[in-house]
Amino acid sequence: MNPELAIDLFKTTVLYALYVVSPFLGAMLVVGLLASLFQSITSMQENTLTFAPKLVALAGMLVLLAPWLLRSLTEFTITIIGRLATLAH
């Protein structure tokens, strides 16, 4: 395997990881902003007011996106394994 192919596989994997994680990060960003806004409006500075909603939102996103996530990761794994098989020649 030459370095260009290794770099291409690494780049593909990193970009795909960002693609998979982005819905979760977006949801956490929105929930965090709403929790911070609520804290600033009510002047409540409780740590659980930011942690608990993020945890609930993450669990909800995992339940909602599980089929997409499993299908997507399976397709990516099959693609990468296929590419690795062709690189051995």
PDB file of N, CA and C in Angstrom:
ATOM      1  N   MET A   1       0.869  -1.180   0.000  1.00  0.00           N
ATOM      2  CA  MET A   1       0.000   0.000   0.000  1.00  0.00           C
ATOM      3  C   MET A   1       0.909   1.234   0.000  1.00  0.00           C
ATOM      4  N   ASN A   2       0.668   2.099  -0.945  1.00  0.00           N
ATOM      5  CA  ASN A   2       1.474   3.308  -0.988  1.00  0.00           C
ATOM      6  C   ASN A   2       0.869   4.377  -0.066  1.00  0.00           C
ATOM      7  N   PRO A   3       1.647   5.385   0.266  1.00  0.00           N
ATOM      8  CA  PRO A   3       1.172   6.406   1.218  1.00  0.00           C
ATOM      9  C   PRO A   3      -0.063   7.165   0.746  1.00  0.00           C
ATOM     10  N   GLU A   4      -0.219   7.370  -0.555  1.00  0.00           N
ATOM     11  CA  GLU A   4      -1.378   8.108  -1.045  1.00  0.00           C
ATOM     12  C   GLU A   4      -2.685   7.372  -0.744  1.00  0.00           C
ATOM     13  N   LEU A   5      -2.659   6.058  -0.917  1.00  0.00           N
ATOM     14  CA  LEU A   5      -3.851   5.265  -0.633  1.00  0.00           C
ATOM     15  C   LEU A   5      -4.175   5.253   0.869  1.00  0.00           C
ATOM     16  N   ALA A   6      -3.121   5.167   1.692  1.00  0.00           N
ATOM     17  CA  ALA A   6      -3.328   5.190   3.140  1.00  0.00           C
ATOM     18  C   ALA A   6      -3.906   6.527   3.578  1.00  0.00           C
ATOM     19  N   ILE A   7      -3.394   7.602   3.012  1.00  0.00           N
ATOM     20  CA  ILE A   7      -3.902   8.931   3.345  1.00  0.00           C
ATOM     21  C   ILE A   7      -5.342   9.084   2.876  1.00  0.00           C
ATOM     22  N   ASP A   8      -5.657   8.553   1.700  1.00  0.00           N
ATOM     23  CA  ASP A   8      -7.019   8.620   1.194  1.00  0.00           C
ATOM     24  C   ASP A   8      -7.979   7.841   2.090  1.00  0.00           C
ATOM     25  N   LEU A   9      -7.595   6.654   2.541  1.00  0.00           N
ATOM     26  CA  LEU A   9      -8.432   5.888   3.453  1.00  0.00           C
ATOM     27  C   LEU A   9      -8.628   6.620   4.779  1.00  0.00           C
ATOM     28  N   PHE A  10      -7.557   7.210   5.288  1.00  0.00           N
ATOM     29  CA  PHE A  10      -7.649   7.954   6.545  1.00  0.00           C
ATOM     30  C   PHE A  10      -8.565   9.166   6.389  1.00  0.00           C
ATOM     31  N   LYS A  11      -8.405   9.895   5.295  1.00  0.00           N
ATOM     32  CA  LYS A  11      -9.250  11.068   5.048  1.00  0.00           C
ATOM     33  C   LYS A  11     -10.715  10.677   4.914  1.00  0.00           C
ATOM     34  N   THR A  12     -10.974   9.602   4.199  1.00  0.00           N
ATOM     35  CA  THR A  12     -12.343   9.118   4.035  1.00  0.00           C
ATOM     36  C   THR A  12     -12.946   8.732   5.373  1.00  0.00           C
ATOM     37  N   THR A  13     -12.175   8.069   6.207  1.00  0.00           N
ATOM     38  CA  THR A  13     -12.663   7.641   7.519  1.00  0.00           C
ATOM     39  C   THR A  13     -12.952   8.828   8.422  1.00  0.00           C
ATOM     40  N   VAL A  14     -12.083   9.811   8.434  1.00  0.00           N
ATOM     41  CA  VAL A  14     -12.293  10.994   9.279  1.00  0.00           C
ATOM     42  C   VAL A  14     -13.507  11.788   8.809  1.00  0.00           C
ATOM     43  N   LEU A  15     -13.632  11.984   7.516  1.00  0.00           N
ATOM     44  CA  LEU A  15     -14.779  12.715   6.991  1.00  0.00           C
ATOM     45  C   LEU A  15     -16.083  11.965   7.260  1.00  0.00           C
ATOM     46  N   TYR A  16     -16.042  10.659   7.159  1.00  0.00           N
ATOM     47  CA  TYR A  16     -17.238   9.874   7.438  1.00  0.00           C
ATOM     48  C   TYR A  16     -17.602   9.941   8.933  1.00  0.00           C
ATOM     49  N   ALA A  17     -16.597   9.925   9.783  1.00  0.00           N
ATOM     50  CA  ALA A  17     -16.866  10.055  11.216  1.00  0.00           C
ATOM     51  C   ALA A  17     -17.530  11.398  11.520  1.00  0.00           C
ATOM     52  N   LEU A  18     -17.080  12.460  10.882  1.00  0.00           N
ATOM     53  CA  LEU A  18     -17.714  13.765  11.061  1.00  0.00           C
ATOM     54  C   LEU A  18     -19.143  13.756  10.535  1.00  0.00           C
ATOM     55  N   TYR A  19     -19.377  13.053   9.437  1.00  0.00           N
ATOM     56  CA  TYR A  19     -20.722  12.941   8.854  1.00  0.00           C
ATOM     57  C   TYR A  19     -21.671  12.219   9.810  1.00  0.00           C
ATOM     58  N   VAL A  20     -21.186  11.173  10.459  1.00  0.00           N
ATOM     59  CA  VAL A  20     -22.021  10.389  11.370  1.00  0.00           C
ATOM     60  C   VAL A  20     -22.279  11.143  12.672  1.00  0.00           C
ATOM     61  N   VAL A  21     -21.307  11.857  13.163  1.00  0.00           N
ATOM     62  CA  VAL A  21     -21.413  12.518  14.465  1.00  0.00           C
ATOM     63  C   VAL A  21     -22.138  13.863  14.376  1.00  0.00           C
ATOM     64  N   SER A  22     -22.180  14.473  13.210  1.00  0.00           N
ATOM     65  CA  SER A  22     -22.730  15.827  13.088  1.00  0.00           C
ATOM     66  C   SER A  22     -24.176  15.979  13.542  1.00  0.00           C
ATOM     67  N   PRO A  23     -25.101  15.040  13.299  1.00  0.00           N
ATOM     68  CA  PRO A  23     -26.456  15.242  13.832  1.00  0.00           C
ATOM     69  C   PRO A  23     -26.487  15.285  15.363  1.00  0.00           C
ATOM     70  N   PHE A  24     -25.659  14.453  15.983  1.00  0.00           N
ATOM     71  CA  PHE A  24     -25.611  14.427  17.439  1.00  0.00           C
ATOM     72  C   PHE A  24     -25.000  15.715  17.993  1.00  0.00           C
ATOM     73  N   LEU A  25     -23.939  16.179  17.356  1.00  0.00           N
ATOM     74  CA  LEU A  25     -23.322  17.432  17.799  1.00  0.00           C
ATOM     75  C   LEU A  25     -24.261  18.614  17.596  1.00  0.00           C
ATOM     76  N   GLY A  26     -24.989  18.618  16.493  1.00  0.00           N
ATOM     77  CA  GLY A  26     -25.953  19.693  16.254  1.00  0.00           C
ATOM     78  C   GLY A  26     -27.055  19.707  17.301  1.00  0.00           C
ATOM     79  N   ALA A  27     -27.567  18.537  17.632  1.00  0.00           N
ATOM     80  CA  ALA A  27     -28.617  18.460  18.657  1.00  0.00           C
ATOM     81  C   ALA A  27     -28.084  18.911  20.010  1.00  0.00           C
ATOM     82  N   MET A  28     -26.870  18.507  20.356  1.00  0.00           N
ATOM     83  CA  MET A  28     -26.288  18.911  21.639  1.00  0.00           C
ATOM     84  C   MET A  28     -26.048  20.427  21.673  1.00  0.00           C
ATOM     85  N   LEU A  29     -25.675  20.991  20.535  1.00  0.00           N
ATOM     86  CA  LEU A  29     -25.470  22.434  20.463  1.00  0.00           C
ATOM     87  C   LEU A  29     -26.774  23.181  20.699  1.00  0.00           C
ATOM     88  N   VAL A  30     -27.836  22.743  20.043  1.00  0.00           N
ATOM     89  CA  VAL A  30     -29.128  23.413  20.202  1.00  0.00           C
ATOM     90  C   VAL A  30     -29.632  23.271  21.637  1.00  0.00           C
ATOM     91  N   VAL A  31     -29.553  22.067  22.187  1.00  0.00           N
ATOM     92  CA  VAL A  31     -30.026  21.843  23.556  1.00  0.00           C
ATOM     93  C   VAL A  31     -29.173  22.632  24.548  1.00  0.00           C
ATOM     94  N   GLY A  32     -27.884  22.684  24.337  1.00  0.00           N
ATOM     95  CA  GLY A  32     -27.008  23.456  25.219  1.00  0.00           C
ATOM     96  C   GLY A  32     -27.313  24.948  25.170  1.00  0.00           C
ATOM     97  N   LEU A  33     -27.562  25.459  23.969  1.00  0.00           N
ATOM     98  CA  LEU A  33     -27.909  26.876  23.849  1.00  0.00           C
ATOM     99  C   LEU A  33     -29.239  27.192  24.532  1.00  0.00           C
ATOM    100  N   LEU A  34     -30.227  26.299  24.350  1.00  0.00           N
ATOM    101  CA  LEU A  34     -31.515  26.517  25.005  1.00  0.00           C
ATOM    102  C   LEU A  34     -31.395  26.432  26.524  1.00  0.00           C
ATOM    103  N   ALA A  35     -30.609  25.490  27.010  1.00  0.00           N
ATOM    104  CA  ALA A  35     -30.409  25.371  28.457  1.00  0.00           C
ATOM    105  C   ALA A  35     -29.678  26.590  29.012  1.00  0.00           C
ATOM    106  N   SER A  36     -28.691  27.078  28.301  1.00  0.00           N
ATOM    107  CA  SER A  36     -27.965  28.278  28.738  1.00  0.00           C
ATOM    108  C   SER A  36     -28.872  29.503  28.719  1.00  0.00           C
ATOM    109  N   LEU A  37     -29.712  29.600  27.704  1.00  0.00           N
ATOM    110  CA  LEU A  37     -30.664  30.697  27.640  1.00  0.00           C
ATOM    111  C   LEU A  37     -31.635  30.631  28.814  1.00  0.00           C
ATOM    112  N   PHE A  38     -32.132  29.450  29.119  1.00  0.00           N
ATOM    113  CA  PHE A  38     -33.029  29.273  30.257  1.00  0.00           C
ATOM    114  C   PHE A  38     -32.333  29.649  31.563  1.00  0.00           C
ATOM    115  N   GLN A  39     -31.074  29.251  31.710  1.00  0.00           N
ATOM    116  CA  GLN A  39     -30.336  29.585  32.926  1.00  0.00           C
ATOM    117  C   GLN A  39     -30.118  31.082  33.052  1.00  0.00           C
ATOM    118  N   SER A  40     -29.821  31.744  31.951  1.00  0.00           N
ATOM    119  CA  SER A  40     -29.578  33.178  32.031  1.00  0.00           C
ATOM    120  C   SER A  40     -30.874  33.950  32.270  1.00  0.00           C
ATOM    121  N   ILE A  41     -31.994  33.467  31.734  1.00  0.00           N
ATOM    122  CA  ILE A  41     -33.271  34.143  31.957  1.00  0.00           C
ATOM    123  C   ILE A  41     -33.722  33.992  33.400  1.00  0.00           C
ATOM    124  N   THR A  42     -33.566  32.789  33.951  1.00  0.00           N
ATOM    125  CA  THR A  42     -34.052  32.532  35.313  1.00  0.00           C
ATOM    126  C   THR A  42     -32.995  32.783  36.380  1.00  0.00           C
ATOM    127  N   SER A  43     -31.779  33.070  36.014  1.00  0.00           N
ATOM    128  CA  SER A  43     -30.654  33.274  36.935  1.00  0.00           C
ATOM    129  C   SER A  43     -30.396  32.054  37.810  1.00  0.00           C
ATOM    130  N   MET A  44     -30.718  30.882  37.288  1.00  0.00           N
ATOM    131  CA  MET A  44     -30.423  29.629  37.988  1.00  0.00           C
ATOM    132  C   MET A  44     -29.105  29.090  37.453  1.00  0.00           C
ATOM    133  N   GLN A  45     -28.178  28.813  38.339  1.00  0.00           N
ATOM    134  CA  GLN A  45     -26.880  28.301  37.930  1.00  0.00           C
ATOM    135  C   GLN A  45     -26.684  26.890  38.467  1.00  0.00           C
ATOM    136  N   GLU A  46     -27.488  25.984  37.998  1.00  0.00           N
ATOM    137  CA  GLU A  46     -27.434  24.585  38.410  1.00  0.00           C
ATOM    138  C   GLU A  46     -26.810  23.768  37.287  1.00  0.00           C
ATOM    139  N   ASN A  47     -25.818  22.942  37.633  1.00  0.00           N
ATOM    140  CA  ASN A  47     -25.118  22.161  36.605  1.00  0.00           C
ATOM    141  C   ASN A  47     -26.015  21.130  35.940  1.00  0.00           C
ATOM    142  N   THR A  48     -26.957  20.583  36.689  1.00  0.00           N
ATOM    143  CA  THR A  48     -27.818  19.560  36.097  1.00  0.00           C
ATOM    144  C   THR A  48     -28.768  20.140  35.056  1.00  0.00           C
ATOM    145  N   LEU A  49     -29.000  21.446  35.080  1.00  0.00           N
ATOM    146  CA  LEU A  49     -29.870  22.056  34.071  1.00  0.00           C
ATOM    147  C   LEU A  49     -29.252  22.045  32.680  1.00  0.00           C
ATOM    148  N   THR A  50     -27.964  21.887  32.593  1.00  0.00           N
ATOM    149  CA  THR A  50     -27.331  21.774  31.282  1.00  0.00           C
ATOM    150  C   THR A  50     -27.035  20.317  30.937  1.00  0.00           C
ATOM    151  N   PHE A  51     -26.719  19.515  31.945  1.00  0.00           N
ATOM    152  CA  PHE A  51     -26.326  18.131  31.680  1.00  0.00           C
ATOM    153  C   PHE A  51     -27.522  17.228  31.373  1.00  0.00           C
ATOM    154  N   ALA A  52     -28.556  17.304  32.174  1.00  0.00           N
ATOM    155  CA  ALA A  52     -29.702  16.397  32.024  1.00  0.00           C
ATOM    156  C   ALA A  52     -30.418  16.556  30.670  1.00  0.00           C
ATOM    157  N   PRO A  53     -30.720  17.767  30.218  1.00  0.00           N
ATOM    158  CA  PRO A  53     -31.368  17.872  28.894  1.00  0.00           C
ATOM    159  C   PRO A  53     -30.485  17.358  27.752  1.00  0.00           C
ATOM    160  N   LYS A  54     -29.183  17.558  27.855  1.00  0.00           N
ATOM    161  CA  LYS A  54     -28.287  17.041  26.820  1.00  0.00           C
ATOM    162  C   LYS A  54     -28.298  15.515  26.815  1.00  0.00           C
ATOM    163  N   LEU A  55     -28.331  14.921  27.997  1.00  0.00           N
ATOM    164  CA  LEU A  55     -28.365  13.471  28.091  1.00  0.00           C
ATOM    165  C   LEU A  55     -29.661  12.914  27.517  1.00  0.00           C
ATOM    166  N   VAL A  56     -30.772  13.549  27.830  1.00  0.00           N
ATOM    167  CA  VAL A  56     -32.066  13.117  27.295  1.00  0.00           C
ATOM    168  C   VAL A  56     -32.103  13.300  25.775  1.00  0.00           C
ATOM    169  N   ALA A  57     -31.594  14.419  25.283  1.00  0.00           N
ATOM    170  CA  ALA A  57     -31.576  14.667  23.841  1.00  0.00           C
ATOM    171  C   ALA A  57     -30.680  13.656  23.118  1.00  0.00           C
ATOM    172  N   LEU A  58     -29.549  13.327  23.706  1.00  0.00           N
ATOM    173  CA  LEU A  58     -28.659  12.340  23.097  1.00  0.00           C
ATOM    174  C   LEU A  58     -29.330  10.977  23.038  1.00  0.00           C
ATOM    175  N   ALA A  59     -29.998  10.581  24.112  1.00  0.00           N
ATOM    176  CA  ALA A  59     -30.704   9.293  24.117  1.00  0.00           C
ATOM    177  C   ALA A  59     -31.812   9.289  23.058  1.00  0.00           C
ATOM    178  N   GLY A  60     -32.543  10.382  22.952  1.00  0.00           N
ATOM    179  CA  GLY A  60     -33.588  10.479  21.937  1.00  0.00           C
ATOM    180  C   GLY A  60     -33.032  10.414  20.529  1.00  0.00           C
ATOM    181  N   MET A  61     -31.933  11.102  20.293  1.00  0.00           N
ATOM    182  CA  MET A  61     -31.303  11.068  18.971  1.00  0.00           C
ATOM    183  C   MET A  61     -30.800   9.666  18.642  1.00  0.00           C
ATOM    184  N   LEU A  62     -30.248   8.969  19.632  1.00  0.00           N
ATOM    185  CA  LEU A  62     -29.784   7.609  19.388  1.00  0.00           C
ATOM    186  C   LEU A  62     -30.939   6.690  19.008  1.00  0.00           C
ATOM    187  N   VAL A  63     -32.072   6.849  19.678  1.00  0.00           N
ATOM    188  CA  VAL A  63     -33.234   6.020  19.362  1.00  0.00           C
ATOM    189  C   VAL A  63     -33.761   6.359  17.965  1.00  0.00           C
ATOM    190  N   LEU A  64     -33.858   7.640  17.659  1.00  0.00           N
ATOM    191  CA  LEU A  64     -34.396   8.048  16.365  1.00  0.00           C
ATOM    192  C   LEU A  64     -33.466   7.716  15.192  1.00  0.00           C
ATOM    193  N   LEU A  65     -32.186   7.881  15.401  1.00  0.00           N
ATOM    194  CA  LEU A  65     -31.237   7.712  14.305  1.00  0.00           C
ATOM    195  C   LEU A  65     -30.565   6.350  14.262  1.00  0.00           C
ATOM    196  N   ALA A  66     -30.943   5.431  15.128  1.00  0.00           N
ATOM    197  CA  ALA A  66     -30.302   4.114  15.161  1.00  0.00           C
ATOM    198  C   ALA A  66     -30.396   3.374  13.827  1.00  0.00           C
ATOM    199  N   PRO A  67     -31.563   3.324  13.179  1.00  0.00           N
ATOM    200  CA  PRO A  67     -31.596   2.618  11.883  1.00  0.00           C
ATOM    201  C   PRO A  67     -30.675   3.244  10.835  1.00  0.00           C
ATOM    202  N   TRP A  68     -30.700   4.565  10.740  1.00  0.00           N
ATOM    203  CA  TRP A  68     -29.825   5.249   9.786  1.00  0.00           C
ATOM    204  C   TRP A  68     -28.354   5.008  10.129  1.00  0.00           C
ATOM    205  N   LEU A  69     -28.038   5.088  11.411  1.00  0.00           N
ATOM    206  CA  LEU A  69     -26.662   4.923  11.861  1.00  0.00           C
ATOM    207  C   LEU A  69     -26.152   3.523  11.561  1.00  0.00           C
ATOM    208  N   LEU A  70     -26.935   2.504  11.867  1.00  0.00           N
ATOM    209  CA  LEU A  70     -26.511   1.127  11.595  1.00  0.00           C
ATOM    210  C   LEU A  70     -26.368   0.861  10.102  1.00  0.00           C
ATOM    211  N   ARG A  71     -27.335   1.321   9.309  1.00  0.00           N
ATOM    212  CA  ARG A  71     -27.263   1.122   7.861  1.00  0.00           C
ATOM    213  C   ARG A  71     -26.046   1.844   7.276  1.00  0.00           C
ATOM    214  N   SER A  72     -25.841   3.056   7.722  1.00  0.00           N
ATOM    215  CA  SER A  72     -24.745   3.865   7.205  1.00  0.00           C
ATOM    216  C   SER A  72     -23.385   3.271   7.588  1.00  0.00           C
ATOM    217  N   LEU A  73     -23.239   2.860   8.826  1.00  0.00           N
ATOM    218  CA  LEU A  73     -21.972   2.267   9.256  1.00  0.00           C
ATOM    219  C   LEU A  73     -21.710   0.930   8.569  1.00  0.00           C
ATOM    220  N   THR A  74     -22.763   0.164   8.334  1.00  0.00           N
ATOM    221  CA  THR A  74     -22.609  -1.109   7.624  1.00  0.00           C
ATOM    222  C   THR A  74     -22.145  -0.870   6.192  1.00  0.00           C
ATOM    223  N   GLU A  75     -22.766   0.074   5.498  1.00  0.00           N
ATOM    224  CA  GLU A  75     -22.364   0.380   4.124  1.00  0.00           C
ATOM    225  C   GLU A  75     -20.931   0.891   4.069  1.00  0.00           C
ATOM    226  N   PHE A  76     -20.562   1.730   5.027  1.00  0.00           N
ATOM    227  CA  PHE A  76     -19.195   2.258   5.051  1.00  0.00           C
ATOM    228  C   PHE A  76     -18.187   1.135   5.300  1.00  0.00           C
ATOM    229  N   THR A  77     -18.499   0.234   6.220  1.00  0.00           N
ATOM    230  CA  THR A  77     -17.597  -0.866   6.516  1.00  0.00           C
ATOM    231  C   THR A  77     -17.422  -1.779   5.314  1.00  0.00           C
ATOM    232  N   ILE A  78     -18.507  -2.085   4.630  1.00  0.00           N
ATOM    233  CA  ILE A  78     -18.424  -2.924   3.435  1.00  0.00           C
ATOM    234  C   ILE A  78     -17.586  -2.235   2.359  1.00  0.00           C
ATOM    235  N   THR A  79     -17.774  -0.941   2.202  1.00  0.00           N
ATOM    236  CA  THR A  79     -16.999  -0.188   1.210  1.00  0.00           C
ATOM    237  C   THR A  79     -15.510  -0.184   1.542  1.00  0.00           C
ATOM    238  N   ILE A  80     -15.183   0.065   2.806  1.00  0.00           N
ATOM    239  CA  ILE A  80     -13.770   0.118   3.201  1.00  0.00           C
ATOM    240  C   ILE A  80     -13.113  -1.253   3.072  1.00  0.00           C
ATOM    241  N   ILE A  81     -13.816  -2.300   3.491  1.00  0.00           N
ATOM    242  CA  ILE A  81     -13.251  -3.639   3.377  1.00  0.00           C
ATOM    243  C   ILE A  81     -13.054  -4.003   1.899  1.00  0.00           C
ATOM    244  N   GLY A  82     -13.986  -3.605   1.063  1.00  0.00           N
ATOM    245  CA  GLY A  82     -13.831  -3.825  -0.376  1.00  0.00           C
ATOM    246  C   GLY A  82     -12.632  -3.097  -0.941  1.00  0.00           C
ATOM    247  N   ARG A  83     -12.439  -1.869  -0.477  1.00  0.00           N
ATOM    248  CA  ARG A  83     -11.277  -1.094  -0.959  1.00  0.00           C
ATOM    249  C   ARG A  83      -9.976  -1.699  -0.458  1.00  0.00           C
ATOM    250  N   LEU A  84      -9.974  -2.216   0.781  1.00  0.00           N
ATOM    251  CA  LEU A  84      -8.759  -2.824   1.320  1.00  0.00           C
ATOM    252  C   LEU A  84      -8.414  -4.093   0.558  1.00  0.00           C
ATOM    253  N   ALA A  85      -9.427  -4.841   0.137  1.00  0.00           N
ATOM    254  CA  ALA A  85      -9.172  -6.057  -0.629  1.00  0.00           C
ATOM    255  C   ALA A  85      -8.524  -5.747  -1.976  1.00  0.00           C
ATOM    256  N   THR A  86      -8.922  -4.646  -2.595  1.00  0.00           N
ATOM    257  CA  THR A  86      -8.328  -4.297  -3.890  1.00  0.00           C
ATOM    258  C   THR A  86      -6.933  -3.705  -3.728  1.00  0.00           C
ATOM    259  N   LEU A  87      -6.627  -3.187  -2.552  1.00  0.00           N
ATOM    260  CA  LEU A  87      -5.308  -2.590  -2.332  1.00  0.00           C
ATOM    261  C   LEU A  87      -4.223  -3.637  -2.153  1.00  0.00           C
ATOM    262  N   ALA A  88      -4.578  -4.843  -1.778  1.00  0.00           N
ATOM    263  CA  ALA A  88      -3.588  -5.884  -1.521  1.00  0.00           C
ATOM    264  C   ALA A  88      -2.896  -6.354  -2.799  1.00  0.00           C
ATOM    265  N   HIS A  89      -3.513  -6.135  -3.933  1.00  0.00           N
ATOM    266  CA  HIS A  89      -2.923  -6.632  -5.201  1.00  0.00           C
ATOM    267  C   HIS A  89      -1.799  -5.796  -5.645  1.00  0.00           C
TER     268      HIS A  89
END
